[in-house]
């Protein structure tokens, strides 16, 4: 393919189309904008239910003392904090995020809580993970996969670094199963959420993008199929809050 053809390749940024090479930059701008108040917005957006979604993720992770866990798009460190307690002093948690603003917030938060001995930080792109083959026991990516430009490439990258028998957990907004719930959810996402973003962060556009990115993300069955195509085995998903959120799990054979 010629360089001219490469330049013409586009992907979605919310409901808009942008050049492939521009998406990461556009997503980075969103998270630079919201990083400082990301936790507050999570609580406001979900009514605190995101904590239950993350608790379920931890429970299904199978993480034990001594394990190495990679928390991709780890943001402000919610999952990393919990994983650090599970892996203990002999284990390690790697909090990774492509966005340096989010990574700094997560690092400061964990250090403030005294979590330093078994955790490290890496600015990393999920599509090109800078870790050795077969080196990670468990990978989590919570509310981050939908922002990745090439999801198939990212899934293959995650498979590569997992140890045989290692688990991938993808926690992400998905498609509600009940039509009435879906209608209410749409109204909330496109009418209420940007207004909350404007009030709290003075940035309605970033939260409008986040709502749009959720709608463009693959539904439950499609993502399950993508994980299988990437090479994961025993792929399954668990709907939460009526399918507003789904937790996908796959195992490296």
Protein backbone atom coordinates (compact mmCIF):
# COMPACT_ATOMS: atom_id res chain seq x y z
CA UNK A 1 0.00 0.00 0.00
CA UNK A 2 1.35 3.43 -0.93
CA UNK A 3 2.03 6.18 1.56
CA UNK A 4 -0.76 8.15 -0.13
CA UNK A 5 -3.21 5.31 0.54
CA UNK A 6 -2.02 5.08 4.15
CA UNK A 7 -2.74 8.77 4.58
CA UNK A 8 -6.30 8.23 3.40
CA UNK A 9 -7.10 5.55 5.99
CA UNK A 10 -9.58 6.74 8.58
CA UNK A 11 -11.12 5.47 11.79
CA UNK A 12 -13.86 6.66 14.07
CA UNK A 13 -13.39 9.23 16.81
CA UNK A 14 -16.77 9.06 18.46
CA UNK A 15 -19.21 9.61 15.61
CA UNK A 16 -16.64 11.48 13.51
CA UNK A 17 -14.08 10.07 11.07
CA UNK A 18 -10.43 11.03 11.54
CA UNK A 19 -7.16 9.94 9.96
CA UNK A 20 -5.86 6.79 11.66
CA UNK A 21 -2.63 8.48 12.72
CA UNK A 22 -4.60 11.32 14.36
CA UNK A 23 -6.90 9.30 16.62
CA UNK A 24 -4.39 8.65 19.41
CA UNK A 25 -3.60 12.37 19.57
CA UNK A 26 -7.30 13.28 19.73
CA UNK A 27 -7.97 10.71 22.47
CA UNK A 28 -4.94 11.98 24.39
CA UNK A 29 -6.37 15.50 24.33
CA UNK A 30 -9.60 14.21 25.87
CA UNK A 31 -7.85 12.54 28.77
CA UNK A 32 -5.39 15.38 29.36
CA UNK A 33 -8.50 17.52 29.82
CA UNK A 34 -10.35 15.26 32.27
CA UNK A 35 -7.48 13.57 34.19
CA UNK A 36 -7.55 15.78 37.30
CA UNK A 37 -11.24 15.13 37.97
CA UNK A 38 -11.57 11.68 36.42
CA UNK A 39 -12.44 9.91 39.69
CA UNK A 40 -15.07 12.48 40.63
CA UNK A 41 -16.66 12.14 37.22
CA UNK A 42 -16.66 8.34 37.45
CA UNK A 43 -18.62 8.52 40.68
CA UNK A 44 -21.05 11.09 39.30
CA UNK A 45 -21.55 9.30 35.97
CA UNK A 46 -22.18 5.87 37.45
CA UNK A 47 -23.61 6.75 40.85
CA UNK A 48 -20.65 4.88 42.34
CA UNK A 49 -21.62 1.61 40.63
CA UNK A 50 -18.28 1.52 38.79
CA UNK A 51 -16.78 0.29 42.07
CA UNK A 52 -18.98 -2.82 41.94
CA UNK A 53 -18.05 -3.44 38.29
CA UNK A 54 -14.37 -3.28 39.22
CA UNK A 55 -14.87 -5.52 42.24
CA UNK A 56 -16.37 -8.18 39.98
CA UNK A 57 -13.37 -7.84 37.67
CA UNK A 58 -11.01 -8.46 40.58
CA UNK A 59 -13.03 -11.47 41.74
CA UNK A 60 -12.90 -13.10 38.30
CA UNK A 61 -9.24 -12.33 37.68
CA UNK A 62 -7.85 -15.39 39.46
CA UNK A 63 -4.92 -13.27 40.64
CA UNK A 64 -2.90 -14.82 43.49
CA UNK A 65 0.17 -13.92 45.57
CA UNK A 66 3.31 -13.78 43.45
CA UNK A 67 1.53 -13.01 40.18
CA UNK A 68 2.51 -10.29 37.74
CA UNK A 69 -0.47 -8.15 36.68
CA UNK A 70 -0.58 -5.62 33.85
CA UNK A 71 -3.30 -2.98 34.29
CA UNK A 72 -3.62 -1.37 30.85
CA UNK A 73 -5.32 2.03 30.62
CA UNK A 74 -4.97 1.89 34.39
CA UNK A 75 -5.78 5.57 34.72
CA UNK A 76 -6.07 6.66 38.32
CA UNK A 77 -5.16 3.25 39.70
CA UNK A 78 -8.42 1.77 41.05
CA UNK A 79 -7.69 -1.75 39.84
CA UNK A 80 -3.94 -1.51 40.41
CA UNK A 81 -4.53 -0.68 44.07
CA UNK A 82 -6.63 -3.80 44.55
CA UNK A 83 -4.30 -6.01 42.52
CA UNK A 84 -1.30 -4.86 44.57
CA UNK A 85 -2.95 -6.25 47.69
CA UNK A 86 -3.63 -9.58 45.99
CA UNK A 87 -0.16 -10.19 44.52
CA UNK A 88 1.64 -9.33 47.76
CA UNK A 89 5.31 -8.53 48.20
CA UNK A 90 6.44 -11.34 45.88
CA UNK A 91 4.24 -10.15 43.02
CA UNK A 92 4.18 -7.08 40.84
CA UNK A 93 1.57 -4.79 39.33
CA UNK A 94 2.35 -2.68 36.27
CA UNK A 95 0.06 0.33 35.93
CA UNK A 96 0.21 1.26 32.26
CA UNK A 97 -1.48 4.10 30.40
CA UNK A 98 -0.77 5.75 27.07
CA UNK A 99 -1.71 9.13 28.53
CA UNK A 100 0.93 10.72 30.74
CA UNK A 101 -1.59 12.97 32.53
CA UNK A 102 -3.64 9.98 33.63
CA UNK A 103 -0.50 8.05 34.55
CA UNK A 104 0.72 10.88 36.79
CA UNK A 105 -2.63 11.04 38.59
CA UNK A 106 -2.57 7.28 39.18
CA UNK A 107 1.04 7.26 40.33
CA UNK A 108 0.50 10.11 42.79
CA UNK A 109 -2.66 8.50 44.14
CA UNK A 110 -0.97 5.14 44.79
CA UNK A 111 2.12 6.71 46.32
CA UNK A 112 -0.12 8.77 48.62
CA UNK A 113 -1.68 5.50 49.78
CA UNK A 114 1.72 3.97 50.48
CA UNK A 115 1.61 1.53 47.56
CA UNK A 116 5.20 1.56 46.31
CA UNK A 117 6.96 -1.76 46.89
CA UNK A 118 5.20 -3.98 44.37
CA UNK A 119 4.02 -1.55 41.72
CA UNK A 120 5.65 0.17 38.78
CA UNK A 121 4.43 2.52 36.07
CA UNK A 122 4.74 2.46 32.30
CA UNK A 123 3.55 4.82 29.59
CA UNK A 124 2.57 2.26 26.99
CA UNK A 125 0.38 1.80 23.92
CA UNK A 126 -1.87 -1.27 24.17
CA UNK A 127 -1.21 -1.98 20.49
CA UNK A 128 2.55 -2.27 21.00
CA UNK A 129 3.13 -3.45 24.57
CA UNK A 130 6.81 -3.10 25.58
CA UNK A 131 6.93 -6.31 27.61
CA UNK A 132 8.48 -9.71 27.02
CA UNK A 133 6.57 -12.61 25.53
CA UNK A 134 4.90 -14.92 28.07
CA UNK A 135 5.72 -12.64 31.02
CA UNK A 136 2.35 -11.58 32.50
CA UNK A 137 -0.10 -13.68 34.55
CA UNK A 138 -3.12 -11.39 34.17
CA UNK A 139 -4.01 -8.35 32.08
CA UNK A 140 -6.87 -6.00 32.85
CA UNK A 141 -8.10 -3.14 30.70
CA UNK A 142 -11.01 -1.20 32.18
CA UNK A 143 -12.87 1.36 30.05
CA UNK A 144 -9.89 1.71 27.74
CA UNK A 145 -10.26 -0.67 24.82
CA UNK A 146 -12.86 1.47 23.08
CA UNK A 147 -10.27 4.27 22.77
CA UNK A 148 -7.68 2.06 21.07
CA UNK A 149 -7.29 2.71 17.34
CA UNK A 150 -6.71 -0.93 16.28
CA UNK A 151 -8.43 -3.20 18.77
CA UNK A 152 -7.44 -6.41 16.97
CA UNK A 153 -3.78 -5.41 17.08
CA UNK A 154 -4.08 -4.59 20.79
CA UNK A 155 -5.70 -7.94 21.58
CA UNK A 156 -2.89 -9.79 19.79
CA UNK A 157 -0.33 -7.70 21.67
CA UNK A 158 -1.97 -8.65 24.97
CA UNK A 159 -2.02 -12.33 24.00
CA UNK A 160 1.69 -12.22 23.20
CA UNK A 161 2.78 -10.94 26.62
CA UNK A 162 0.49 -13.22 28.63
CA UNK A 163 1.87 -16.46 30.00
CA UNK A 164 0.18 -19.67 28.84
CA UNK A 165 -2.92 -19.97 31.00
CA UNK A 166 -2.89 -16.23 31.70
CA UNK A 167 -6.13 -14.27 31.71
CA UNK A 168 -7.30 -11.15 29.95
CA UNK A 169 -10.14 -9.16 31.50
CA UNK A 170 -11.80 -6.42 29.45
CA UNK A 171 -14.23 -4.26 31.43
CA UNK A 172 -16.05 -1.93 29.07
CA UNK A 173 -19.31 -0.17 28.41
CA UNK A 174 -21.46 -2.28 26.12
CA UNK A 175 -24.99 -2.64 24.75
CA UNK A 176 -28.01 -2.79 27.12
CA UNK A 177 -30.25 -5.77 26.47
CA UNK A 178 -33.55 -4.13 27.40
CA UNK A 179 -34.89 -1.66 24.78
CA UNK A 180 -36.38 0.63 27.43
CA UNK A 181 -33.11 0.68 29.36
CA UNK A 182 -31.26 1.40 26.13
CA UNK A 183 -33.50 4.40 25.45
CA UNK A 184 -33.03 5.81 28.95
CA UNK A 185 -29.29 5.19 28.70
CA UNK A 186 -29.10 7.07 25.38
CA UNK A 187 -30.93 10.05 26.85
CA UNK A 188 -28.61 10.09 29.86
CA UNK A 189 -25.46 9.70 27.75
CA UNK A 190 -26.17 12.44 25.22
CA UNK A 191 -28.22 14.91 27.26
CA UNK A 192 -27.12 14.60 30.89
CA UNK A 193 -23.52 13.41 30.73
CA UNK A 194 -22.11 16.34 28.70
CA UNK A 195 -23.83 18.76 31.09
CA UNK A 196 -22.22 17.07 34.10
CA UNK A 197 -18.88 17.26 32.28
CA UNK A 198 -19.39 20.96 31.67
CA UNK A 199 -20.23 21.65 35.32
CA UNK A 200 -17.42 19.58 36.86
CA UNK A 201 -14.59 19.84 34.35
CA UNK A 202 -15.74 22.75 32.15
CA UNK A 203 -15.46 20.32 29.24
CA UNK A 204 -18.70 19.09 27.70
CA UNK A 205 -17.05 18.03 24.43
CA UNK A 206 -14.80 15.40 26.02
CA UNK A 207 -17.76 13.72 27.69
CA UNK A 208 -19.76 13.93 24.49
CA UNK A 209 -16.89 12.06 22.81
CA UNK A 210 -16.88 9.45 25.59
CA UNK A 211 -20.60 8.82 25.07
CA UNK A 212 -20.10 8.53 21.31
CA UNK A 213 -17.11 6.20 21.71
CA UNK A 214 -19.25 3.84 23.79
CA UNK A 215 -21.79 3.59 20.97
CA UNK A 216 -19.05 2.80 18.46
CA UNK A 217 -17.53 0.04 20.59
CA UNK A 218 -18.26 -3.57 19.55
CA UNK A 219 -21.20 -5.22 21.30
CA UNK A 220 -20.81 -8.21 23.60
CA UNK A 221 -20.87 -10.96 21.00
CA UNK A 222 -18.68 -9.05 18.55
CA UNK A 223 -15.96 -8.42 21.14
CA UNK A 224 -16.12 -12.04 22.25
CA UNK A 225 -15.54 -13.07 18.63
CA UNK A 226 -12.65 -10.62 18.27
CA UNK A 227 -10.95 -12.12 21.33
CA UNK A 228 -11.36 -15.61 19.89
CA UNK A 229 -9.97 -14.47 16.53
CA UNK A 230 -6.95 -12.99 18.32
CA UNK A 231 -6.19 -16.40 19.82
CA UNK A 232 -7.83 -16.35 23.23
CA UNK A 233 -9.62 -19.47 24.41
CA UNK A 234 -12.65 -20.03 26.65
CA UNK A 235 -13.88 -16.51 25.92
CA UNK A 236 -17.00 -15.44 27.77
CA UNK A 237 -18.65 -12.30 29.01
CA UNK A 238 -20.72 -11.22 31.99
CA UNK A 239 -23.32 -8.48 31.60
CA UNK A 240 -23.63 -6.03 34.47
CA UNK A 241 -26.29 -3.38 35.08
CA UNK A 242 -28.44 -4.77 32.30
CA UNK A 243 -25.60 -4.86 29.77
CA UNK A 244 -24.61 -1.22 30.15
CA UNK A 245 -21.26 -2.71 31.11
CA UNK A 246 -19.83 -6.11 30.21
CA UNK A 247 -16.79 -7.94 31.53
CA UNK A 248 -15.10 -10.14 28.93
CA UNK A 249 -12.62 -12.81 29.95
CA UNK A 250 -10.32 -14.89 27.79
CA UNK A 251 -7.45 -17.29 28.49
CA UNK A 252 -4.19 -17.79 26.60
CA UNK A 253 -3.93 -21.42 25.57
